[in-house]
Amino acid sequence: MNKFLIFSIRVGAFLVLCFFILQTLAFFGVKYELTKVLGEIDDNSAEYNKIAKENAKLIEDNYKLIKNSRNLNTF
């Protein structure tokens, strides 16, 4: 009975050790994936900001053209 108890404690300790190792690996795997995804989001944000600036300039140019065409139609 005593040998079985020692064996059970050793197996339990081994399983707990394996659990903590797997949790650590999973944590770093998730951290790596999040870093990768956030990096892609940052890249997309830079591209989005560039497109947004171009669109704002185009909208401003269109507004000026419409304003000028209204001024021409008043004659």
PDB file of N, CA and C in Angstrom:
ATOM      1  N   MET A   1       0.825  -1.193   0.000  1.00  0.00           N
ATOM      2  CA  MET A   1       0.000   0.000   0.000  1.00  0.00           C
ATOM      3  C   MET A   1       0.866   1.252   0.000  1.00  0.00           C
ATOM      4  N   ASN A   2       1.950   1.201   0.753  1.00  0.00           N
ATOM      5  CA  ASN A   2       2.841   2.349   0.852  1.00  0.00           C
ATOM      6  C   ASN A   2       3.526   2.616  -0.494  1.00  0.00           C
ATOM      7  N   LYS A   3       3.925   1.553  -1.225  1.00  0.00           N
ATOM      8  CA  LYS A   3       4.561   1.713  -2.528  1.00  0.00           C
ATOM      9  C   LYS A   3       3.570   2.306  -3.533  1.00  0.00           C
ATOM     10  N   PHE A   4       2.317   1.869  -3.445  1.00  0.00           N
ATOM     11  CA  PHE A   4       1.301   2.407  -4.349  1.00  0.00           C
ATOM     12  C   PHE A   4       1.074   3.901  -4.095  1.00  0.00           C
ATOM     13  N   LEU A   5       1.084   4.294  -2.849  1.00  0.00           N
ATOM     14  CA  LEU A   5       0.898   5.705  -2.494  1.00  0.00           C
ATOM     15  C   LEU A   5       2.057   6.551  -3.034  1.00  0.00           C
ATOM     16  N   ILE A   6       3.275   6.093  -2.884  1.00  0.00           N
ATOM     17  CA  ILE A   6       4.452   6.804  -3.401  1.00  0.00           C
ATOM     18  C   ILE A   6       4.384   6.885  -4.927  1.00  0.00           C
ATOM     19  N   PHE A   7       3.997   5.777  -5.567  1.00  0.00           N
ATOM     20  CA  PHE A   7       3.858   5.761  -7.028  1.00  0.00           C
ATOM     21  C   PHE A   7       2.784   6.760  -7.476  1.00  0.00           C
ATOM     22  N   SER A   8       1.656   6.800  -6.784  1.00  0.00           N
ATOM     23  CA  SER A   8       0.574   7.721  -7.131  1.00  0.00           C
ATOM     24  C   SER A   8       1.015   9.176  -6.990  1.00  0.00           C
ATOM     25  N   ILE A   9       1.758   9.465  -5.938  1.00  0.00           N
ATOM     26  CA  ILE A   9       2.260  10.831  -5.737  1.00  0.00           C
ATOM     27  C   ILE A   9       3.223  11.212  -6.852  1.00  0.00           C
ATOM     28  N   ARG A  10       4.089  10.290  -7.232  1.00  0.00           N
ATOM     29  CA  ARG A  10       5.039  10.573  -8.316  1.00  0.00           C
ATOM     30  C   ARG A  10       4.315  10.801  -9.638  1.00  0.00           C
ATOM     31  N   VAL A  11       3.325   9.970  -9.943  1.00  0.00           N
ATOM     32  CA  VAL A  11       2.563  10.136 -11.188  1.00  0.00           C
ATOM     33  C   VAL A  11       1.804  11.461 -11.158  1.00  0.00           C
ATOM     34  N   GLY A  12       1.209  11.778 -10.030  1.00  0.00           N
ATOM     35  CA  GLY A  12       0.488  13.043  -9.898  1.00  0.00           C
ATOM     36  C   GLY A  12       1.409  14.238 -10.075  1.00  0.00           C
ATOM     37  N   ALA A  13       2.580  14.172  -9.467  1.00  0.00           N
ATOM     38  CA  ALA A  13       3.555  15.264  -9.605  1.00  0.00           C
ATOM     39  C   ALA A  13       4.001  15.394 -11.064  1.00  0.00           C
ATOM     40  N   PHE A  14       4.199  14.269 -11.734  1.00  0.00           N
ATOM     41  CA  PHE A  14       4.593  14.288 -13.137  1.00  0.00           C
ATOM     42  C   PHE A  14       3.492  14.924 -14.001  1.00  0.00           C
ATOM     43  N   LEU A  15       2.239  14.556 -13.730  1.00  0.00           N
ATOM     44  CA  LEU A  15       1.132  15.122 -14.489  1.00  0.00           C
ATOM     45  C   LEU A  15       0.993  16.627 -14.247  1.00  0.00           C
ATOM     46  N   VAL A  16       1.189  17.055 -13.010  1.00  0.00           N
ATOM     47  CA  VAL A  16       1.139  18.492 -12.713  1.00  0.00           C
ATOM     48  C   VAL A  16       2.270  19.212 -13.431  1.00  0.00           C
ATOM     49  N   LEU A  17       3.451  18.626 -13.435  1.00  0.00           N
ATOM     50  CA  LEU A  17       4.587  19.220 -14.137  1.00  0.00           C
ATOM     51  C   LEU A  17       4.284  19.334 -15.631  1.00  0.00           C
ATOM     52  N   CYS A  18       3.744  18.272 -16.220  1.00  0.00           N
ATOM     53  CA  CYS A  18       3.389  18.310 -17.643  1.00  0.00           C
ATOM     54  C   CYS A  18       2.341  19.389 -17.911  1.00  0.00           C
ATOM     55  N   PHE A  19       1.372  19.513 -17.019  1.00  0.00           N
ATOM     56  CA  PHE A  19       0.329  20.524 -17.175  1.00  0.00           C
ATOM     57  C   PHE A  19       0.939  21.922 -17.193  1.00  0.00           C
ATOM     58  N   PHE A  20       1.841  22.217 -16.263  1.00  0.00           N
ATOM     59  CA  PHE A  20       2.457  23.543 -16.223  1.00  0.00           C
ATOM     60  C   PHE A  20       3.332  23.805 -17.442  1.00  0.00           C
ATOM     61  N   ILE A  21       4.014  22.778 -17.916  1.00  0.00           N
ATOM     62  CA  ILE A  21       4.835  22.942 -19.122  1.00  0.00           C
ATOM     63  C   ILE A  21       3.940  23.251 -20.316  1.00  0.00           C
ATOM     64  N   LEU A  22       2.828  22.521 -20.448  1.00  0.00           N
ATOM     65  CA  LEU A  22       1.915  22.775 -21.564  1.00  0.00           C
ATOM     66  C   LEU A  22       1.273  24.151 -21.457  1.00  0.00           C
ATOM     67  N   GLN A  23       0.933  24.567 -20.253  1.00  0.00           N
ATOM     68  CA  GLN A  23       0.362  25.902 -20.070  1.00  0.00           C
ATOM     69  C   GLN A  23       1.362  26.991 -20.466  1.00  0.00           C
ATOM     70  N   THR A  24       2.624  26.801 -20.112  1.00  0.00           N
ATOM     71  CA  THR A  24       3.660  27.777 -20.461  1.00  0.00           C
ATOM     72  C   THR A  24       3.840  27.847 -21.975  1.00  0.00           C
ATOM     73  N   LEU A  25       3.890  26.673 -22.619  1.00  0.00           N
ATOM     74  CA  LEU A  25       4.032  26.648 -24.074  1.00  0.00           C
ATOM     75  C   LEU A  25       2.819  27.288 -24.751  1.00  0.00           C
ATOM     76  N   ALA A  26       1.641  27.002 -24.243  1.00  0.00           N
ATOM     77  CA  ALA A  26       0.431  27.593 -24.823  1.00  0.00           C
ATOM     78  C   ALA A  26       0.442  29.110 -24.646  1.00  0.00           C
ATOM     79  N   PHE A  27       0.878  29.586 -23.476  1.00  0.00           N
ATOM     80  CA  PHE A  27       0.930  31.031 -23.227  1.00  0.00           C
ATOM     81  C   PHE A  27       1.850  31.711 -24.227  1.00  0.00           C
ATOM     82  N   PHE A  28       3.047  31.143 -24.426  1.00  0.00           N
ATOM     83  CA  PHE A  28       3.981  31.779 -25.349  1.00  0.00           C
ATOM     84  C   PHE A  28       3.498  31.648 -26.788  1.00  0.00           C
ATOM     85  N   GLY A  29       2.802  30.558 -27.105  1.00  0.00           N
ATOM     86  CA  GLY A  29       2.233  30.416 -28.448  1.00  0.00           C
ATOM     87  C   GLY A  29       1.176  31.460 -28.712  1.00  0.00           C
ATOM     88  N   VAL A  30       0.299  31.688 -27.733  1.00  0.00           N
ATOM     89  CA  VAL A  30      -0.743  32.709 -27.880  1.00  0.00           C
ATOM     90  C   VAL A  30      -0.122  34.093 -27.949  1.00  0.00           C
ATOM     91  N   LYS A  31       0.899  34.326 -27.124  1.00  0.00           N
ATOM     92  CA  LYS A  31       1.572  35.627 -27.137  1.00  0.00           C
ATOM     93  C   LYS A  31       2.207  35.875 -28.500  1.00  0.00           C
ATOM     94  N   TYR A  32       2.821  34.833 -29.087  1.00  0.00           N
ATOM     95  CA  TYR A  32       3.438  34.971 -30.404  1.00  0.00           C
ATOM     96  C   TYR A  32       2.375  35.272 -31.460  1.00  0.00           C
ATOM     97  N   GLU A  33       1.259  34.537 -31.417  1.00  0.00           N
ATOM     98  CA  GLU A  33       0.200  34.759 -32.399  1.00  0.00           C
ATOM     99  C   GLU A  33      -0.395  36.159 -32.259  1.00  0.00           C
ATOM    100  N   LEU A  34      -0.606  36.610 -31.027  1.00  0.00           N
ATOM    101  CA  LEU A  34      -1.143  37.953 -30.822  1.00  0.00           C
ATOM    102  C   LEU A  34      -0.188  39.014 -31.347  1.00  0.00           C
ATOM    103  N   THR A  35       1.105  38.802 -31.098  1.00  0.00           N
ATOM    104  CA  THR A  35       2.101  39.754 -31.596  1.00  0.00           C
ATOM    105  C   THR A  35       2.073  39.794 -33.114  1.00  0.00           C
ATOM    106  N   LYS A  36       1.946  38.617 -33.735  1.00  0.00           N
ATOM    107  CA  LYS A  36       1.907  38.546 -35.185  1.00  0.00           C
ATOM    108  C   LYS A  36       0.659  39.245 -35.718  1.00  0.00           C
ATOM    109  N   VAL A  37      -0.492  38.979 -35.113  1.00  0.00           N
ATOM    110  CA  VAL A  37      -1.745  39.588 -35.563  1.00  0.00           C
ATOM    111  C   VAL A  37      -1.718  41.098 -35.341  1.00  0.00           C
ATOM    112  N   LEU A  38      -1.228  41.542 -34.174  1.00  0.00           N
ATOM    113  CA  LEU A  38      -1.169  42.977 -33.906  1.00  0.00           C
ATOM    114  C   LEU A  38      -0.222  43.676 -34.860  1.00  0.00           C
ATOM    115  N   GLY A  39       0.860  42.997 -35.240  1.00  0.00           N
ATOM    116  CA  GLY A  39       1.765  43.564 -36.235  1.00  0.00           C
ATOM    117  C   GLY A  39       1.071  43.752 -37.564  1.00  0.00           C
ATOM    118  N   GLU A  40       0.253  42.760 -37.962  1.00  0.00           N
ATOM    119  CA  GLU A  40      -0.496  42.888 -39.213  1.00  0.00           C
ATOM    120  C   GLU A  40      -1.505  44.021 -39.114  1.00  0.00           C
ATOM    121  N   ILE A  41      -2.129  44.174 -37.957  1.00  0.00           N
ATOM    122  CA  ILE A  41      -3.088  45.264 -37.771  1.00  0.00           C
ATOM    123  C   ILE A  41      -2.375  46.607 -37.895  1.00  0.00           C
ATOM    124  N   ASP A  42      -1.173  46.723 -37.311  1.00  0.00           N
ATOM    125  CA  ASP A  42      -0.424  47.977 -37.423  1.00  0.00           C
ATOM    126  C   ASP A  42      -0.080  48.277 -38.872  1.00  0.00           C
ATOM    127  N   ASP A  43       0.325  47.236 -39.629  1.00  0.00           N
ATOM    128  CA  ASP A  43       0.625  47.437 -41.040  1.00  0.00           C
ATOM    129  C   ASP A  43      -0.614  47.898 -41.791  1.00  0.00           C
ATOM    130  N   ASN A  44      -1.743  47.262 -41.486  1.00  0.00           N
ATOM    131  CA  ASN A  44      -2.986  47.650 -42.156  1.00  0.00           C
ATOM    132  C   ASN A  44      -3.411  49.049 -41.737  1.00  0.00           C
ATOM    133  N   SER A  45      -3.148  49.432 -40.499  1.00  0.00           N
ATOM    134  CA  SER A  45      -3.518  50.764 -40.032  1.00  0.00           C
ATOM    135  C   SER A  45      -2.730  51.830 -40.782  1.00  0.00           C
ATOM    136  N   ALA A  46      -1.461  51.578 -41.015  1.00  0.00           N
ATOM    137  CA  ALA A  46      -0.651  52.546 -41.757  1.00  0.00           C
ATOM    138  C   ALA A  46      -1.188  52.694 -43.180  1.00  0.00           C
ATOM    139  N   GLU A  47      -1.530  51.575 -43.788  1.00  0.00           N
ATOM    140  CA  GLU A  47      -2.088  51.623 -45.143  1.00  0.00           C
ATOM    141  C   GLU A  47      -3.453  52.317 -45.135  1.00  0.00           C
ATOM    142  N   TYR A  48      -4.260  52.028 -44.130  1.00  0.00           N
ATOM    143  CA  TYR A  48      -5.575  52.653 -44.009  1.00  0.00           C
ATOM    144  C   TYR A  48      -5.434  54.169 -43.859  1.00  0.00           C
ATOM    145  N   ASN A  49      -4.494  54.609 -43.011  1.00  0.00           N
ATOM    146  CA  ASN A  49      -4.285  56.053 -42.816  1.00  0.00           C
ATOM    147  C   ASN A  49      -3.849  56.718 -44.108  1.00  0.00           C
ATOM    148  N   LYS A  50      -3.015  56.043 -44.869  1.00  0.00           N
ATOM    149  CA  LYS A  50      -2.557  56.597 -46.150  1.00  0.00           C
ATOM    150  C   LYS A  50      -3.738  56.763 -47.108  1.00  0.00           C
ATOM    151  N   ILE A  51      -4.578  55.733 -47.193  1.00  0.00           N
ATOM    152  CA  ILE A  51      -5.750  55.798 -48.075  1.00  0.00           C
ATOM    153  C   ILE A  51      -6.723  56.863 -47.593  1.00  0.00           C
ATOM    154  N   ALA A  52      -6.898  56.965 -46.272  1.00  0.00           N
ATOM    155  CA  ALA A  52      -7.816  57.970 -45.724  1.00  0.00           C
ATOM    156  C   ALA A  52      -7.336  59.384 -46.058  1.00  0.00           C
ATOM    157  N   LYS A  53      -6.038  59.633 -45.992  1.00  0.00           N
ATOM    158  CA  LYS A  53      -5.506  60.952 -46.343  1.00  0.00           C
ATOM    159  C   LYS A  53      -5.732  61.252 -47.820  1.00  0.00           C
ATOM    160  N   GLU A  54      -5.524  60.242 -48.670  1.00  0.00           N
ATOM    161  CA  GLU A  54      -5.753  60.435 -50.098  1.00  0.00           C
ATOM    162  C   GLU A  54      -7.230  60.734 -50.369  1.00  0.00           C
ATOM    163  N   ASN A  55      -8.106  60.002 -49.685  1.00  0.00           N
ATOM    164  CA  ASN A  55      -9.543  60.239 -49.870  1.00  0.00           C
ATOM    165  C   ASN A  55      -9.941  61.626 -49.392  1.00  0.00           C
ATOM    166  N   ALA A  56      -9.384  62.069 -48.266  1.00  0.00           N
ATOM    167  CA  ALA A  56      -9.705  63.401 -47.755  1.00  0.00           C
ATOM    168  C   ALA A  56      -9.271  64.471 -48.757  1.00  0.00           C
ATOM    169  N   LYS A  57      -8.103  64.279 -49.365  1.00  0.00           N
ATOM    170  CA  LYS A  57      -7.624  65.240 -50.364  1.00  0.00           C
ATOM    171  C   LYS A  57      -8.542  65.248 -51.586  1.00  0.00           C
ATOM    172  N   LEU A  58      -8.961  64.062 -52.026  1.00  0.00           N
ATOM    173  CA  LEU A  58      -9.859  63.988 -53.175  1.00  0.00           C
ATOM    174  C   LEU A  58     -11.208  64.642 -52.867  1.00  0.00           C
ATOM    175  N   ILE A  59     -11.724  64.419 -51.663  1.00  0.00           N
ATOM    176  CA  ILE A  59     -12.991  65.042 -51.283  1.00  0.00           C
ATOM    177  C   ILE A  59     -12.852  66.560 -51.259  1.00  0.00           C
ATOM    178  N   GLU A  60     -11.741  67.050 -50.734  1.00  0.00           N
ATOM    179  CA  GLU A  60     -11.514  68.496 -50.699  1.00  0.00           C
ATOM    180  C   GLU A  60     -11.417  69.067 -52.110  1.00  0.00           C
ATOM    181  N   ASP A  61     -10.703  68.356 -53.000  1.00  0.00           N
ATOM    182  CA  ASP A  61     -10.596  68.810 -54.391  1.00  0.00           C
ATOM    183  C   ASP A  61     -11.960  68.822 -55.069  1.00  0.00           C
ATOM    184  N   ASN A  62     -12.764  67.794 -54.824  1.00  0.00           N
ATOM    185  CA  ASN A  62     -14.104  67.739 -55.418  1.00  0.00           C
ATOM    186  C   ASN A  62     -14.968  68.884 -54.903  1.00  0.00           C
ATOM    187  N   TYR A  63     -14.854  69.188 -53.620  1.00  0.00           N
ATOM    188  CA  TYR A  63     -15.628  70.301 -53.045  1.00  0.00           C
ATOM    189  C   TYR A  63     -15.247  71.621 -53.727  1.00  0.00           C
ATOM    190  N   LYS A  64     -13.943  71.824 -53.924  1.00  0.00           N
ATOM    191  CA  LYS A  64     -13.492  73.056 -54.581  1.00  0.00           C
ATOM    192  C   LYS A  64     -14.008  73.130 -56.015  1.00  0.00           C
ATOM    193  N   LEU A  65     -13.991  71.991 -56.733  1.00  0.00           N
ATOM    194  CA  LEU A  65     -14.494  71.978 -58.111  1.00  0.00           C
ATOM    195  C   LEU A  65     -15.983  72.284 -58.163  1.00  0.00           C
ATOM    196  N   ILE A  66     -16.735  71.686 -57.228  1.00  0.00           N
ATOM    197  CA  ILE A  66     -18.182  71.948 -57.201  1.00  0.00           C
ATOM    198  C   ILE A  66     -18.446  73.412 -56.877  1.00  0.00           C
ATOM    199  N   LYS A  67     -17.708  73.948 -55.931  1.00  0.00           N
ATOM    200  CA  LYS A  67     -17.880  75.356 -55.550  1.00  0.00           C
ATOM    201  C   LYS A  67     -17.559  76.273 -56.726  1.00  0.00           C
ATOM    202  N   ASN A  68     -16.463  75.979 -57.441  1.00  0.00           N
ATOM    203  CA  ASN A  68     -16.091  76.788 -58.601  1.00  0.00           C
ATOM    204  C   ASN A  68     -17.119  76.658 -59.717  1.00  0.00           C
ATOM    205  N   SER A  69     -17.669  75.463 -59.920  1.00  0.00           N
ATOM    206  CA  SER A  69     -18.659  75.298 -60.988  1.00  0.00           C
ATOM    207  C   SER A  69     -19.949  76.036 -60.650  1.00  0.00           C
ATOM    208  N   ARG A  70     -20.312  76.116 -59.388  1.00  0.00           N
ATOM    209  CA  ARG A  70     -21.495  76.888 -59.001  1.00  0.00           C
ATOM    210  C   ARG A  70     -21.259  78.374 -59.252  1.00  0.00           C
ATOM    211  N   ASN A  71     -20.031  78.827 -58.981  1.00  0.00           N
ATOM    212  CA  ASN A  71     -19.705  80.230 -59.229  1.00  0.00           C
ATOM    213  C   ASN A  71     -19.760  80.543 -60.719  1.00  0.00           C
ATOM    214  N   LEU A  72     -19.357  79.579 -61.555  1.00  0.00           N
ATOM    215  CA  LEU A  72     -19.400  79.798 -63.001  1.00  0.00           C
ATOM    216  C   LEU A  72     -20.837  79.814 -63.512  1.00  0.00           C
ATOM    217  N   ASN A  73     -21.719  79.041 -62.891  1.00  0.00           N
ATOM    218  CA  ASN A  73     -23.113  78.963 -63.354  1.00  0.00           C
ATOM    219  C   ASN A  73     -23.926  80.186 -62.962  1.00  0.00           C
ATOM    220  N   THR A  74     -23.407  81.024 -62.095  1.00  0.00           N
ATOM    221  CA  THR A  74     -24.178  82.199 -61.670  1.00  0.00           C
ATOM    222  C   THR A  74     -24.191  83.297 -62.731  1.00  0.00           C
ATOM    223  N   PHE A  75     -23.308  83.222 -63.702  1.00  0.00           N
ATOM    224  CA  PHE A  75     -23.265  84.275 -64.725  1.00  0.00           C
ATOM    225  C   PHE A  75     -24.408  84.161 -65.692  1.00  0.00           C
TER     226      PHE A  75
END
